[in-house]
C-alpha atoms as a PDB file:
ATOM      1  CA  UNK A   1      23.355  -4.631  -4.531  1.00  0.00           C
ATOM      2  CA  UNK A   2      22.052  -8.156  -3.909  1.00  0.00           C
ATOM      3  CA  UNK A   3      18.734  -7.763  -5.666  1.00  0.00           C
ATOM      4  CA  UNK A   4      17.764  -4.333  -4.370  1.00  0.00           C
ATOM      5  CA  UNK A   5      15.752  -2.640  -7.102  1.00  0.00           C
ATOM      6  CA  UNK A   6      15.705   1.088  -7.768  1.00  0.00           C
ATOM      7  CA  UNK A   7      13.070   3.238  -9.415  1.00  0.00           C
ATOM      8  CA  UNK A   8      11.733   6.741  -9.609  1.00  0.00           C
ATOM      9  CA  UNK A   9       8.181   7.518  -8.519  1.00  0.00           C
ATOM     10  CA  UNK A  10       6.214  10.748  -8.881  1.00  0.00           C
ATOM     11  CA  UNK A  11       4.916  11.897  -5.474  1.00  0.00           C
ATOM     12  CA  UNK A  12       3.689  15.266  -4.214  1.00  0.00           C
ATOM     13  CA  UNK A  13       4.930  17.002  -7.369  1.00  0.00           C
ATOM     14  CA  UNK A  14       8.511  15.662  -7.276  1.00  0.00           C
ATOM     15  CA  UNK A  15      10.402  12.654  -8.636  1.00  0.00           C
ATOM     16  CA  UNK A  16      11.490  10.454  -5.730  1.00  0.00           C
ATOM     17  CA  UNK A  17      14.108   7.706  -5.893  1.00  0.00           C
ATOM     18  CA  UNK A  18      13.316   4.553  -3.934  1.00  0.00           C
ATOM     19  CA  UNK A  19      15.265   1.381  -3.253  1.00  0.00           C
ATOM     20  CA  UNK A  20      13.233  -1.701  -2.416  1.00  0.00           C
ATOM     21  CA  UNK A  21      13.315  -5.448  -1.998  1.00  0.00           C
ATOM     22  CA  UNK A  22      10.995  -8.182  -0.826  1.00  0.00           C
ATOM     23  CA  UNK A  23       7.347  -9.149  -0.658  1.00  0.00           C
ATOM     24  CA  UNK A  24       4.886  -8.787   2.189  1.00  0.00           C
ATOM     25  CA  UNK A  25       4.012  -6.000   4.614  1.00  0.00           C
ATOM     26  CA  UNK A  26       5.816  -2.765   3.747  1.00  0.00           C
ATOM     27  CA  UNK A  27       8.483  -1.384   6.068  1.00  0.00           C
ATOM     28  CA  UNK A  28       9.374   2.212   5.228  1.00  0.00           C
ATOM     29  CA  UNK A  29      13.013   2.994   6.116  1.00  0.00           C
ATOM     30  CA  UNK A  30      13.792   6.702   6.412  1.00  0.00           C
ATOM     31  CA  UNK A  31      17.209   8.306   6.569  1.00  0.00           C
ATOM     32  CA  UNK A  32      18.464  11.340   8.434  1.00  0.00           C
ATOM     33  CA  UNK A  33      20.932  14.073   7.536  1.00  0.00           C
ATOM     34  CA  UNK A  34      23.229  13.629   5.622  1.00  0.00           C
ATOM     35  CA  UNK A  35      22.389  10.034   4.720  1.00  0.00           C
ATOM     36  CA  UNK A  36      20.680   8.363   1.734  1.00  0.00           C
ATOM     37  CA  UNK A  37      18.795   5.117   1.098  1.00  0.00           C
ATOM     38  CA  UNK A  38      22.220   3.452   1.076  1.00  0.00           C
ATOM     39  CA  UNK A  39      22.537   3.819   4.854  1.00  0.00           C
ATOM     40  CA  UNK A  40      19.605   1.377   5.132  1.00  0.00           C
ATOM     41  CA  UNK A  41      20.988  -1.244   2.709  1.00  0.00           C
ATOM     42  CA  UNK A  42      21.674  -3.828   5.426  1.00  0.00           C
ATOM     43  CA  UNK A  43      18.190  -3.401   6.889  1.00  0.00           C
ATOM     44  CA  UNK A  44      16.652  -3.743   3.411  1.00  0.00           C
ATOM     45  CA  UNK A  45      18.377  -7.094   2.942  1.00  0.00           C
ATOM     46  CA  UNK A  46      17.577  -8.341   6.444  1.00  0.00           C
ATOM     47  CA  UNK A  47      13.911  -7.322   6.391  1.00  0.00           C
ATOM     48  CA  UNK A  48      13.308  -8.698   2.909  1.00  0.00           C
ATOM     49  CA  UNK A  49      14.714 -12.064   4.028  1.00  0.00           C
ATOM     50  CA  UNK A  50      12.166 -12.075   6.884  1.00  0.00           C
ATOM     51  CA  UNK A  51       9.128 -11.669   4.620  1.00  0.00           C
ATOM     52  CA  UNK A  52       8.817  -7.886   4.455  1.00  0.00           C
ATOM     53  CA  UNK A  53       8.878  -5.481   1.537  1.00  0.00           C
ATOM     54  CA  UNK A  54      11.541  -2.988   2.607  1.00  0.00           C
ATOM     55  CA  UNK A  55      11.332   0.425   0.924  1.00  0.00           C
ATOM     56  CA  UNK A  56      13.965   3.137   1.464  1.00  0.00           C
ATOM     57  CA  UNK A  57      13.453   6.474  -0.298  1.00  0.00           C
ATOM     58  CA  UNK A  58      15.941   9.259  -0.791  1.00  0.00           C
ATOM     59  CA  UNK A  59      14.044  12.081   0.890  1.00  0.00           C
ATOM     60  CA  UNK A  60      13.348  15.416  -0.809  1.00  0.00           C
ATOM     61  CA  UNK A  61      16.613  17.071  -1.850  1.00  0.00           C
ATOM     62  CA  UNK A  62      18.802  14.019  -1.168  1.00  0.00           C
ATOM     63  CA  UNK A  63      20.472  11.573  -3.532  1.00  0.00           C
ATOM     64  CA  UNK A  64      18.566  11.033  -6.749  1.00  0.00           C
ATOM     65  CA  UNK A  65      15.307  12.557  -5.464  1.00  0.00           C
ATOM     66  CA  UNK A  66      14.363  15.918  -6.902  1.00  0.00           C
ATOM     67  CA  UNK A  67      15.564  19.013  -5.024  1.00  0.00           C
ATOM     68  CA  UNK A  68      13.152  21.931  -5.426  1.00  0.00           C
ATOM     69  CA  UNK A  69      15.023  25.269  -5.381  1.00  0.00           C
ATOM     70  CA  UNK A  70      12.829  27.114  -2.851  1.00  0.00           C
ATOM     71  CA  UNK A  71      13.623  26.717   0.857  1.00  0.00           C
ATOM     72  CA  UNK A  72       9.876  26.751   1.534  1.00  0.00           C
ATOM     73  CA  UNK A  73       9.713  23.404  -0.275  1.00  0.00           C
ATOM     74  CA  UNK A  74      11.387  21.635   2.659  1.00  0.00           C
ATOM     75  CA  UNK A  75       8.866  22.041   5.469  1.00  0.00           C
ATOM     76  CA  UNK A  76       7.705  19.116   7.580  1.00  0.00           C
ATOM     77  CA  UNK A  77       4.380  19.289   5.777  1.00  0.00           C
ATOM     78  CA  UNK A  78       6.089  18.856   2.393  1.00  0.00           C
ATOM     79  CA  UNK A  79       8.057  15.829   3.600  1.00  0.00           C
ATOM     80  CA  UNK A  80       4.943  14.262   5.146  1.00  0.00           C
ATOM     81  CA  UNK A  81       3.172  14.896   1.834  1.00  0.00           C
ATOM     82  CA  UNK A  82       5.988  13.123   0.002  1.00  0.00           C
ATOM     83  CA  UNK A  83       5.751  10.097   2.294  1.00  0.00           C
ATOM     84  CA  UNK A  84       1.961  10.007   2.116  1.00  0.00           C
ATOM     85  CA  UNK A  85       2.209  10.113  -1.677  1.00  0.00           C
ATOM     86  CA  UNK A  86       4.767   7.317  -1.607  1.00  0.00           C
ATOM     87  CA  UNK A  87       2.499   5.128   0.525  1.00  0.00           C
ATOM     88  CA  UNK A  88      -0.360   5.795  -1.900  1.00  0.00           C
ATOM     89  CA  UNK A  89       1.910   4.988  -4.851  1.00  0.00           C
ATOM     90  CA  UNK A  90       2.913   1.688  -3.233  1.00  0.00           C
ATOM     91  CA  UNK A  91      -0.781   0.782  -3.062  1.00  0.00           C
ATOM     92  CA  UNK A  92      -0.855  -0.081   0.624  1.00  0.00           C
ATOM     93  CA  UNK A  93      -3.026   1.227   3.426  1.00  0.00           C
ATOM     94  CA  UNK A  94      -0.368   1.096   6.122  1.00  0.00           C
ATOM     95  CA  UNK A  95       3.377   0.735   6.527  1.00  0.00           C
ATOM     96  CA  UNK A  96       5.700  -0.080   9.350  1.00  0.00           C
ATOM     97  CA  UNK A  97       8.189   2.744   9.808  1.00  0.00           C
ATOM     98  CA  UNK A  98      11.524   2.836  11.544  1.00  0.00           C
ATOM     99  CA  UNK A  99      13.967   5.703  11.250  1.00  0.00           C
ATOM    100  CA  UNK A 100      16.706   3.993  13.252  1.00  0.00           C
ATOM    101  CA  UNK A 101      17.622   0.320  13.291  1.00  0.00           C
ATOM    102  CA  UNK A 102      20.876  -1.136  14.551  1.00  0.00           C
ATOM    103  CA  UNK A 103      23.237  -2.484  11.896  1.00  0.00           C
END
């Protein structure tokens, strides 16, 4: 979709799918239940056109990101670990985060 790239990254012991576009400060776009990165596609395009690097992961157990079988693998601490690992993988010290932007 319009230059959005997709890749898998290894974070916190799982394979995570991310969609991204742009250059500049990183904006991390998170989805809620039952959404995927795709629900942030319009924000990815808009933010990348404004000079940001927009990154939207499929969170643990969603979309193309690995879904560990144990229910204990879905605690808040695990998800924070995934996001911390993603930020490290992106090679940045900070990100801007928004879980809800208007379309």
